Amino acid sequence: MLRWIYYAFIHSHVLYGVEIYANTKSTYLDKLMKLNNKLLRILQCKPITTLIRELFKTYNTLLITDIHKQQLLLFVHKFIHHPELLPEIFINNKFFTFNDEIHKYNTRIKSSIHLYQSTTSAGLRSVSHKAAVL
């Protein structure tokens, strides 16, 4: 029952918009991650010395940073295989560029998302760059 409470009231809030708000420096997410860990520890009646990975494993969930990566990969999967499930702005706009659109060479990564090199930290945190890296 406590697991249901976690997923209904906490995990759903963490999951909502994680692609946007977790796309920042880890220091900005620190308070949220600590609060999430504390709530998991309270709901499981575990001592403070319990390893964080054990808390997440017991409730079969992921760290916020891992949830962020998972949601980005789900977004890319929808973009490639099920674009009808995405809002129209992503369908009509070329959000990702694939390597075979840039060159016609027969390479192993010709069907992969093209990875643009960025020199700024904002560019490295962009959804298109992170998705291409993942």
N, C-alpha and C. Protein backbone atom coordinates (compact mmCIF):
# COMPACT_ATOMS: atom_id res chain seq x y z
N MET A 1 0.81 -1.19 0.00
CA MET A 1 0.00 0.00 0.00
C MET A 1 0.86 1.27 0.00
N LEU A 2 1.96 1.23 0.74
CA LEU A 2 2.85 2.39 0.76
C LEU A 2 3.52 2.62 -0.59
N ARG A 3 3.77 1.56 -1.32
CA ARG A 3 4.33 1.70 -2.67
C ARG A 3 3.33 2.41 -3.58
N TRP A 4 2.07 2.07 -3.48
CA TRP A 4 1.03 2.73 -4.26
C TRP A 4 0.95 4.21 -3.92
N ILE A 5 1.08 4.52 -2.65
CA ILE A 5 1.07 5.92 -2.22
C ILE A 5 2.25 6.67 -2.83
N TYR A 6 3.42 6.02 -2.82
CA TYR A 6 4.60 6.66 -3.43
C TYR A 6 4.37 6.95 -4.91
N TYR A 7 3.90 5.94 -5.64
CA TYR A 7 3.70 6.13 -7.08
C TYR A 7 2.57 7.11 -7.39
N ALA A 8 1.56 7.16 -6.55
CA ALA A 8 0.43 8.06 -6.81
C ALA A 8 0.77 9.52 -6.51
N PHE A 9 1.44 9.77 -5.40
CA PHE A 9 1.62 11.15 -4.95
C PHE A 9 3.02 11.72 -5.17
N ILE A 10 4.02 10.89 -5.26
CA ILE A 10 5.39 11.40 -5.36
C ILE A 10 5.96 11.14 -6.75
N HIS A 11 5.97 9.90 -7.16
CA HIS A 11 6.59 9.54 -8.43
C HIS A 11 5.90 10.23 -9.62
N SER A 12 4.60 10.37 -9.55
CA SER A 12 3.88 11.03 -10.65
C SER A 12 4.31 12.49 -10.77
N HIS A 13 4.57 13.15 -9.65
CA HIS A 13 5.04 14.54 -9.69
C HIS A 13 6.49 14.63 -10.19
N VAL A 14 7.30 13.67 -9.78
CA VAL A 14 8.69 13.64 -10.24
C VAL A 14 8.72 13.41 -11.75
N LEU A 15 7.86 12.54 -12.25
CA LEU A 15 7.86 12.17 -13.65
C LEU A 15 7.34 13.28 -14.56
N TYR A 16 6.44 14.11 -14.04
CA TYR A 16 5.82 15.14 -14.87
C TYR A 16 6.85 16.22 -15.24
N GLY A 17 7.15 16.34 -16.50
CA GLY A 17 8.06 17.37 -16.98
C GLY A 17 9.52 17.14 -16.67
N VAL A 18 9.90 15.91 -16.34
CA VAL A 18 11.28 15.63 -15.96
C VAL A 18 12.24 15.90 -17.11
N GLU A 19 11.77 15.80 -18.35
CA GLU A 19 12.64 16.08 -19.50
C GLU A 19 13.12 17.52 -19.48
N ILE A 20 12.32 18.41 -18.92
CA ILE A 20 12.65 19.83 -18.91
C ILE A 20 13.42 20.19 -17.64
N TYR A 21 12.84 19.92 -16.47
CA TYR A 21 13.46 20.43 -15.24
C TYR A 21 14.71 19.67 -14.83
N ALA A 22 14.86 18.42 -15.25
CA ALA A 22 16.07 17.68 -14.87
C ALA A 22 17.22 17.94 -15.84
N ASN A 23 16.96 18.78 -16.82
CA ASN A 23 17.99 19.11 -17.80
C ASN A 23 18.80 20.31 -17.31
N THR A 24 19.34 20.18 -16.13
CA THR A 24 20.07 21.26 -15.48
C THR A 24 21.25 20.67 -14.72
N LYS A 25 21.98 21.51 -14.05
CA LYS A 25 23.10 21.04 -13.24
C LYS A 25 22.57 20.22 -12.07
N SER A 26 23.36 19.24 -11.66
CA SER A 26 22.92 18.36 -10.58
C SER A 26 22.78 19.09 -9.25
N THR A 27 23.48 20.21 -9.08
CA THR A 27 23.35 20.96 -7.83
C THR A 27 21.96 21.56 -7.68
N TYR A 28 21.31 21.87 -8.80
CA TYR A 28 19.95 22.42 -8.73
C TYR A 28 18.93 21.33 -8.40
N LEU A 29 19.25 20.10 -8.71
CA LEU A 29 18.35 18.98 -8.42
C LEU A 29 18.62 18.35 -7.05
N ASP A 30 19.64 18.81 -6.37
CA ASP A 30 20.08 18.18 -5.14
C ASP A 30 18.98 18.12 -4.08
N LYS A 31 18.28 19.23 -3.86
CA LYS A 31 17.22 19.25 -2.84
C LYS A 31 16.10 18.29 -3.18
N LEU A 32 15.71 18.25 -4.45
CA LEU A 32 14.65 17.35 -4.88
C LEU A 32 15.06 15.89 -4.72
N MET A 33 16.29 15.57 -5.07
CA MET A 33 16.77 14.19 -4.93
C MET A 33 16.84 13.78 -3.46
N LYS A 34 17.31 14.68 -2.60
CA LYS A 34 17.38 14.37 -1.17
C LYS A 34 15.99 14.18 -0.57
N LEU A 35 15.04 15.01 -0.99
CA LEU A 35 13.67 14.87 -0.49
C LEU A 35 13.06 13.56 -0.97
N ASN A 36 13.30 13.20 -2.21
CA ASN A 36 12.79 11.94 -2.73
C ASN A 36 13.40 10.75 -1.97
N ASN A 37 14.69 10.81 -1.70
CA ASN A 37 15.35 9.75 -0.94
C ASN A 37 14.79 9.65 0.48
N LYS A 38 14.56 10.81 1.09
CA LYS A 38 14.02 10.83 2.44
C LYS A 38 12.62 10.24 2.49
N LEU A 39 11.79 10.58 1.50
CA LEU A 39 10.44 10.03 1.45
C LEU A 39 10.45 8.53 1.24
N LEU A 40 11.33 8.04 0.38
CA LEU A 40 11.46 6.60 0.19
C LEU A 40 11.89 5.91 1.48
N ARG A 41 12.81 6.53 2.19
CA ARG A 41 13.29 5.95 3.44
C ARG A 41 12.17 5.91 4.49
N ILE A 42 11.37 6.96 4.56
CA ILE A 42 10.26 7.00 5.52
C ILE A 42 9.19 5.98 5.17
N LEU A 43 8.83 5.91 3.89
CA LEU A 43 7.78 4.97 3.48
C LEU A 43 8.20 3.52 3.67
N GLN A 44 9.49 3.25 3.60
CA GLN A 44 9.97 1.88 3.77
C GLN A 44 10.42 1.58 5.19
N CYS A 45 10.34 2.57 6.06
CA CYS A 45 10.76 2.41 7.46
C CYS A 45 12.20 1.89 7.57
N LYS A 46 13.08 2.47 6.78
CA LYS A 46 14.48 2.05 6.75
C LYS A 46 15.32 3.05 7.54
N PRO A 47 16.43 2.58 8.12
CA PRO A 47 17.31 3.52 8.84
C PRO A 47 18.09 4.41 7.86
N ILE A 48 18.67 5.46 8.39
CA ILE A 48 19.39 6.44 7.57
C ILE A 48 20.63 5.84 6.92
N THR A 49 21.11 4.73 7.43
CA THR A 49 22.31 4.10 6.88
C THR A 49 22.01 3.21 5.67
N THR A 50 20.75 3.06 5.32
CA THR A 50 20.37 2.23 4.18
C THR A 50 20.88 2.86 2.88
N LEU A 51 21.44 2.05 2.02
CA LEU A 51 21.94 2.54 0.74
C LEU A 51 20.78 3.03 -0.13
N ILE A 52 21.03 4.11 -0.85
CA ILE A 52 19.99 4.73 -1.68
C ILE A 52 19.55 3.77 -2.78
N ARG A 53 20.50 3.09 -3.40
CA ARG A 53 20.16 2.15 -4.47
C ARG A 53 19.21 1.06 -3.97
N GLU A 54 19.39 0.65 -2.71
CA GLU A 54 18.51 -0.37 -2.14
C GLU A 54 17.07 0.17 -1.99
N LEU A 55 16.94 1.43 -1.60
CA LEU A 55 15.62 2.04 -1.48
C LEU A 55 14.91 2.07 -2.83
N PHE A 56 15.61 2.45 -3.87
CA PHE A 56 15.02 2.53 -5.20
C PHE A 56 14.74 1.14 -5.76
N LYS A 57 15.61 0.20 -5.47
CA LYS A 57 15.42 -1.17 -5.96
C LYS A 57 14.20 -1.82 -5.31
N THR A 58 13.98 -1.55 -4.04
CA THR A 58 12.83 -2.12 -3.34
C THR A 58 11.52 -1.65 -3.96
N TYR A 59 11.46 -0.39 -4.35
CA TYR A 59 10.24 0.16 -4.95
C TYR A 59 10.26 0.10 -6.47
N ASN A 60 11.29 -0.53 -7.04
CA ASN A 60 11.39 -0.72 -8.48
C ASN A 60 11.26 0.60 -9.24
N THR A 61 12.04 1.58 -8.83
CA THR A 61 12.04 2.88 -9.49
C THR A 61 13.48 3.31 -9.76
N LEU A 62 13.64 4.44 -10.39
CA LEU A 62 14.95 4.94 -10.77
C LEU A 62 15.26 6.25 -10.09
N LEU A 63 16.55 6.60 -10.07
CA LEU A 63 16.96 7.92 -9.63
C LEU A 63 16.40 8.97 -10.59
N ILE A 64 16.28 10.20 -10.15
CA ILE A 64 15.72 11.26 -10.99
C ILE A 64 16.55 11.46 -12.25
N THR A 65 17.86 11.38 -12.14
CA THR A 65 18.71 11.53 -13.32
C THR A 65 18.50 10.38 -14.31
N ASP A 66 18.27 9.19 -13.80
CA ASP A 66 18.01 8.04 -14.67
C ASP A 66 16.62 8.13 -15.30
N ILE A 67 15.65 8.65 -14.54
CA ILE A 67 14.31 8.87 -15.10
C ILE A 67 14.38 9.88 -16.23
N HIS A 68 15.21 10.91 -16.06
CA HIS A 68 15.40 11.92 -17.10
C HIS A 68 15.93 11.27 -18.38
N LYS A 69 16.95 10.44 -18.25
CA LYS A 69 17.50 9.75 -19.42
C LYS A 69 16.47 8.83 -20.08
N GLN A 70 15.73 8.12 -19.24
CA GLN A 70 14.71 7.21 -19.77
C GLN A 70 13.64 7.97 -20.55
N GLN A 71 13.19 9.09 -20.03
CA GLN A 71 12.16 9.87 -20.71
C GLN A 71 12.68 10.48 -22.01
N LEU A 72 13.96 10.87 -22.04
CA LEU A 72 14.54 11.36 -23.29
C LEU A 72 14.59 10.26 -24.34
N LEU A 73 14.96 9.06 -23.93
CA LEU A 73 15.00 7.94 -24.86
C LEU A 73 13.61 7.57 -25.34
N LEU A 74 12.62 7.66 -24.47
CA LEU A 74 11.23 7.41 -24.89
C LEU A 74 10.76 8.46 -25.88
N PHE A 75 11.18 9.71 -25.68
CA PHE A 75 10.84 10.78 -26.61
C PHE A 75 11.44 10.51 -27.99
N VAL A 76 12.70 10.10 -28.03
CA VAL A 76 13.35 9.80 -29.30
C VAL A 76 12.67 8.61 -29.98
N HIS A 77 12.32 7.61 -29.20
CA HIS A 77 11.63 6.44 -29.76
C HIS A 77 10.30 6.85 -30.39
N LYS A 78 9.54 7.68 -29.68
CA LYS A 78 8.28 8.17 -30.25
C LYS A 78 8.53 9.00 -31.50
N PHE A 79 9.57 9.82 -31.49
CA PHE A 79 9.87 10.67 -32.63
C PHE A 79 10.19 9.84 -33.86
N ILE A 80 10.93 8.74 -33.68
CA ILE A 80 11.34 7.92 -34.81
C ILE A 80 10.24 6.96 -35.25
N HIS A 81 9.64 6.25 -34.29
CA HIS A 81 8.74 5.16 -34.63
C HIS A 81 7.25 5.50 -34.53
N HIS A 82 6.88 6.45 -33.70
CA HIS A 82 5.47 6.78 -33.51
C HIS A 82 5.26 8.29 -33.45
N PRO A 83 5.57 9.01 -34.52
CA PRO A 83 5.44 10.47 -34.48
C PRO A 83 4.00 10.95 -34.29
N GLU A 84 3.04 10.10 -34.59
CA GLU A 84 1.64 10.49 -34.40
C GLU A 84 1.27 10.65 -32.93
N LEU A 85 2.07 10.13 -32.03
CA LEU A 85 1.82 10.25 -30.60
C LEU A 85 2.35 11.56 -30.02
N LEU A 86 3.15 12.28 -30.80
CA LEU A 86 3.75 13.54 -30.34
C LEU A 86 2.90 14.73 -30.78
N PRO A 87 3.05 15.86 -30.10
CA PRO A 87 2.36 17.08 -30.55
C PRO A 87 2.80 17.45 -31.96
N GLU A 88 1.95 18.17 -32.64
CA GLU A 88 2.16 18.50 -34.05
C GLU A 88 3.45 19.30 -34.29
N ILE A 89 3.86 20.08 -33.32
CA ILE A 89 5.07 20.89 -33.50
C ILE A 89 6.30 20.03 -33.71
N PHE A 90 6.34 18.84 -33.13
CA PHE A 90 7.48 17.96 -33.32
C PHE A 90 7.41 17.23 -34.65
N ILE A 91 6.22 17.03 -35.16
CA ILE A 91 6.05 16.32 -36.42
C ILE A 91 6.47 17.22 -37.58
N ASN A 92 5.98 18.45 -37.58
CA ASN A 92 6.26 19.37 -38.68
C ASN A 92 7.66 19.97 -38.61
N ASN A 93 8.20 20.09 -37.43
CA ASN A 93 9.53 20.68 -37.25
C ASN A 93 10.57 19.56 -37.29
N LYS A 94 11.70 19.83 -37.87
CA LYS A 94 12.78 18.85 -37.93
C LYS A 94 13.58 18.98 -36.63
N PHE A 95 13.16 18.29 -35.58
CA PHE A 95 13.76 18.41 -34.27
C PHE A 95 15.12 17.70 -34.22
N PHE A 96 15.21 16.56 -34.88
CA PHE A 96 16.46 15.81 -34.94
C PHE A 96 16.89 15.69 -36.40
N THR A 97 18.19 15.69 -36.63
CA THR A 97 18.74 15.46 -37.95
C THR A 97 19.48 14.13 -37.92
N PHE A 98 19.25 13.31 -38.92
CA PHE A 98 19.90 12.01 -38.98
C PHE A 98 21.12 12.09 -39.89
N ASN A 99 22.06 11.20 -39.65
CA ASN A 99 23.32 11.23 -40.42
C ASN A 99 23.10 11.03 -41.91
N ASP A 100 22.14 10.20 -42.30
CA ASP A 100 21.92 9.97 -43.73
C ASP A 100 21.32 11.18 -44.44
N GLU A 101 20.84 12.17 -43.68
CA GLU A 101 20.37 13.41 -44.28
C GLU A 101 21.53 14.38 -44.54
N ILE A 102 22.64 14.17 -43.86
CA ILE A 102 23.79 15.05 -43.99
C ILE A 102 24.74 14.53 -45.07
N HIS A 103 24.96 13.22 -45.08
CA HIS A 103 25.82 12.62 -46.11
C HIS A 103 25.22 11.29 -46.54
N LYS A 104 25.60 10.85 -47.69
CA LYS A 104 25.07 9.60 -48.26
C LYS A 104 26.08 8.46 -48.19
N TYR A 105 27.13 8.62 -47.39
CA TYR A 105 28.13 7.57 -47.25
C TYR A 105 27.51 6.38 -46.52
N ASN A 106 27.93 5.20 -46.90
CA ASN A 106 27.42 3.99 -46.28
C ASN A 106 28.26 3.67 -45.04
N THR A 107 27.86 4.24 -43.91
CA THR A 107 28.58 4.02 -42.66
C THR A 107 27.70 3.25 -41.68
N ARG A 108 28.29 2.80 -40.58
CA ARG A 108 27.53 2.06 -39.58
C ARG A 108 26.54 2.95 -38.84
N ILE A 109 26.81 4.25 -38.77
CA ILE A 109 25.95 5.14 -38.01
C ILE A 109 25.12 6.05 -38.92
N LYS A 110 24.89 5.61 -40.17
CA LYS A 110 24.16 6.48 -41.10
C LYS A 110 22.70 6.69 -40.68
N SER A 111 22.12 5.77 -39.93
CA SER A 111 20.72 5.95 -39.50
C SER A 111 20.62 6.51 -38.08
N SER A 112 21.73 6.89 -37.49
CA SER A 112 21.72 7.46 -36.13
C SER A 112 21.43 8.96 -36.17
N ILE A 113 21.06 9.49 -35.03
CA ILE A 113 20.84 10.92 -34.91
C ILE A 113 22.19 11.62 -35.01
N HIS A 114 22.24 12.69 -35.79
CA HIS A 114 23.50 13.41 -35.97
C HIS A 114 23.86 14.16 -34.69
N LEU A 115 25.09 14.01 -34.27
CA LEU A 115 25.58 14.64 -33.05
C LEU A 115 26.33 15.90 -33.41
N TYR A 116 25.69 17.04 -33.16
CA TYR A 116 26.35 18.32 -33.40
C TYR A 116 27.28 18.62 -32.24
N GLN A 117 28.45 19.12 -32.54
CA GLN A 117 29.41 19.49 -31.50
C GLN A 117 29.05 20.86 -30.95
N SER A 118 29.03 20.96 -29.65
CA SER A 118 28.71 22.22 -29.00
C SER A 118 29.83 22.60 -28.06
N THR A 119 30.06 23.90 -27.96
CA THR A 119 31.14 24.37 -27.08
C THR A 119 30.60 25.01 -25.81
N THR A 120 29.29 25.22 -25.74
CA THR A 120 28.71 25.85 -24.56
C THR A 120 28.04 24.79 -23.68
N SER A 121 27.91 25.09 -22.42
CA SER A 121 27.25 24.13 -21.51
C SER A 121 25.76 24.03 -21.81
N ALA A 122 25.16 25.12 -22.27
CA ALA A 122 23.74 25.07 -22.64
C ALA A 122 23.54 24.17 -23.86
N GLY A 123 24.44 24.22 -24.80
CA GLY A 123 24.35 23.35 -25.97
C GLY A 123 24.53 21.89 -25.62
N LEU A 124 25.40 21.61 -24.65
CA LEU A 124 25.60 20.24 -24.21
C LEU A 124 24.41 19.69 -23.45
N ARG A 125 23.61 20.58 -22.86
CA ARG A 125 22.41 20.16 -22.12
C ARG A 125 21.16 20.17 -22.99
N SER A 126 21.25 20.55 -24.25
CA SER A 126 20.06 20.61 -25.10
C SER A 126 19.51 19.20 -25.32
N VAL A 127 18.23 19.14 -25.54
CA VAL A 127 17.57 17.84 -25.72
C VAL A 127 18.11 17.13 -26.96
N SER A 128 18.32 17.86 -28.03
CA SER A 128 18.81 17.22 -29.25
C SER A 128 20.21 16.66 -29.07
N HIS A 129 21.07 17.35 -28.32
CA HIS A 129 22.42 16.84 -28.09
C HIS A 129 22.40 15.65 -27.14
N LYS A 130 21.66 15.76 -26.04
CA LYS A 130 21.61 14.66 -25.08
C LYS A 130 21.00 13.40 -25.69
N ALA A 131 19.95 13.59 -26.49
CA ALA A 131 19.31 12.44 -27.13
C ALA A 131 20.26 11.76 -28.10
N ALA A 132 21.04 12.52 -28.85
CA ALA A 132 21.99 11.95 -29.78
C ALA A 132 23.09 11.19 -29.04
N VAL A 133 23.52 11.71 -27.91
CA VAL A 133 24.55 11.03 -27.12
C VAL A 133 24.00 9.72 -26.54
N LEU A 134 22.79 9.77 -26.03
CA LEU A 134 22.19 8.56 -25.44
C LEU A 134 21.88 7.54 -26.52
